[in-house]
Amino acid sequence: MKTELLELLLPDLDEEYATGGFLALYEVSWNLAGLGLDRSDPTFAPLAREAYVRFRAQHPDLVLARGTWPDLLATATPAFAEDDAEVDLDPRTDADAPILFLVAPQDLPTP
């Protein structure tokens, strides 16, 4: 696995989270592709998954939620399929699909 890319990717993910207050899971793949790894590379998906796992380990307080674009936080509901979290959804082509993202529990809307 291309571990040097992980060392570059994880700070990018931290910056995305710090900037927006949440991390949409598609950002994992978008940022990885932005580092020059082609999506057709057989190491792409495992590397994206490893980055997600490591980010979760660094931020155990965050919860997985789902919402719709463009108002992810306003439409957020808790998601429970953590092990099956999709880190490669493209919201540009799947605009109506719920987007998974990580967020602090206190930032979820109250019912």
Protein backbone atom coordinates (compact mmCIF):
# COMPACT_ATOMS: atom_id res chain seq x y z
CA MET A 1 0.00 0.00 0.00
CA LYS A 2 1.21 3.50 -0.73
CA THR A 3 1.62 4.63 2.86
CA GLU A 4 3.38 7.86 1.92
CA LEU A 5 0.08 8.99 0.38
CA LEU A 6 -1.66 8.31 3.68
CA GLU A 7 0.77 10.65 5.41
CA LEU A 8 -0.27 13.37 2.95
CA LEU A 9 -3.97 12.50 2.90
CA LEU A 10 -4.70 12.48 6.62
CA PRO A 11 -3.70 16.14 7.19
CA ASP A 12 -5.87 17.07 4.19
CA LEU A 13 -8.83 15.31 5.79
CA ASP A 14 -8.17 17.06 9.10
CA GLU A 15 -8.15 20.38 7.27
CA GLU A 16 -11.45 19.57 5.52
CA TYR A 17 -13.01 18.74 8.88
CA ALA A 18 -11.62 21.85 10.58
CA THR A 19 -12.83 24.08 7.76
CA GLY A 20 -16.36 22.74 7.38
CA GLY A 21 -17.13 21.29 10.80
CA PHE A 22 -17.79 17.92 9.21
CA LEU A 23 -16.06 15.53 6.81
CA ALA A 24 -18.10 14.24 3.88
CA LEU A 25 -16.81 10.75 3.14
CA TYR A 26 -16.48 11.44 -0.58
CA GLU A 27 -13.70 13.87 0.41
CA VAL A 28 -11.52 10.87 1.26
CA SER A 29 -11.49 9.72 -2.37
CA TRP A 30 -11.49 13.22 -3.85
CA ASN A 31 -8.44 14.20 -1.83
CA LEU A 32 -6.70 10.91 -2.59
CA ALA A 33 -7.29 11.41 -6.32
CA GLY A 34 -6.03 14.97 -5.91
CA LEU A 35 -2.75 13.55 -4.66
CA GLY A 36 -2.30 11.90 -8.04
CA LEU A 37 -3.47 8.32 -7.45
CA ASP A 38 -5.74 7.20 -10.26
CA ARG A 39 -9.05 5.63 -9.26
CA SER A 40 -8.27 2.67 -11.53
CA ASP A 41 -5.19 1.83 -9.46
CA PRO A 42 -5.94 -1.38 -7.51
CA THR A 43 -4.59 0.23 -4.34
CA PHE A 44 -7.00 3.20 -4.54
CA ALA A 45 -10.02 1.71 -2.74
CA PRO A 46 -8.01 -0.02 0.01
CA LEU A 47 -6.02 3.16 0.60
CA ALA A 48 -9.19 5.26 0.81
CA ARG A 49 -10.64 2.77 3.30
CA GLU A 50 -7.44 2.84 5.39
CA ALA A 51 -7.49 6.65 5.44
CA TYR A 52 -11.10 6.56 6.66
CA VAL A 53 -10.25 4.04 9.38
CA ARG A 54 -7.29 6.11 10.56
CA PHE A 55 -9.27 9.36 10.50
CA ARG A 56 -11.98 7.67 12.61
CA ALA A 57 -9.34 6.46 15.07
CA GLN A 58 -8.02 10.02 15.41
CA HIS A 59 -11.54 11.42 15.90
CA PRO A 60 -13.45 8.81 17.92
CA ASP A 61 -15.94 11.42 19.14
CA LEU A 62 -17.41 11.98 15.67
CA VAL A 63 -20.55 10.19 14.55
CA LEU A 64 -21.52 8.99 11.12
CA ALA A 65 -24.52 10.84 9.70
CA ARG A 66 -26.27 11.13 6.38
CA GLY A 67 -27.75 14.19 4.75
CA THR A 68 -28.52 15.64 1.36
CA TRP A 69 -26.58 18.23 -0.55
CA PRO A 70 -26.30 21.18 -0.25
CA ASP A 71 -27.58 21.35 3.35
CA LEU A 72 -25.84 18.33 4.89
CA LEU A 73 -26.05 19.53 8.48
CA ALA A 74 -29.64 20.76 8.27
CA THR A 75 -30.81 17.44 6.78
CA ALA A 76 -28.56 15.20 8.90
CA THR A 77 -29.78 12.04 10.53
CA PRO A 78 -27.59 9.47 12.29
CA ALA A 79 -26.36 6.61 10.13
CA PHE A 80 -25.66 3.22 11.61
CA ALA A 81 -23.88 1.23 8.85
CA GLU A 82 -20.38 2.26 9.92
CA ASP A 83 -18.66 -0.82 8.50
CA ASP A 84 -20.27 -0.30 5.11
CA ALA A 85 -19.58 3.42 4.88
CA GLU A 86 -19.06 4.37 1.24
CA VAL A 87 -16.01 6.58 0.82
CA ASP A 88 -16.26 6.95 -2.95
CA LEU A 89 -19.70 8.44 -3.65
CA ASP A 90 -19.62 11.24 -6.21
CA PRO A 91 -22.27 13.83 -5.29
CA ARG A 92 -21.91 15.47 -8.70
CA THR A 93 -23.39 12.44 -10.44
CA ASP A 94 -25.53 11.15 -7.58
CA ALA A 95 -27.07 14.45 -6.48
CA ASP A 96 -30.16 13.01 -4.77
CA ALA A 97 -28.33 10.24 -2.92
CA PRO A 98 -27.76 10.77 0.80
CA ILE A 99 -24.17 11.71 1.57
CA LEU A 100 -22.41 10.12 4.50
CA PHE A 101 -20.31 12.40 6.66
CA LEU A 102 -18.64 12.54 10.04
CA VAL A 103 -19.71 15.22 12.47
CA ALA A 104 -19.62 16.02 16.17
CA PRO A 105 -22.85 14.70 17.77
CA GLN A 106 -23.73 18.13 19.18
CA ASP A 107 -23.79 19.51 15.62
CA LEU A 108 -26.60 17.20 14.52
CA PRO A 109 -30.01 18.90 14.34
CA THR A 110 -32.30 18.13 17.23
CA PRO A 111 -35.52 16.34 16.29
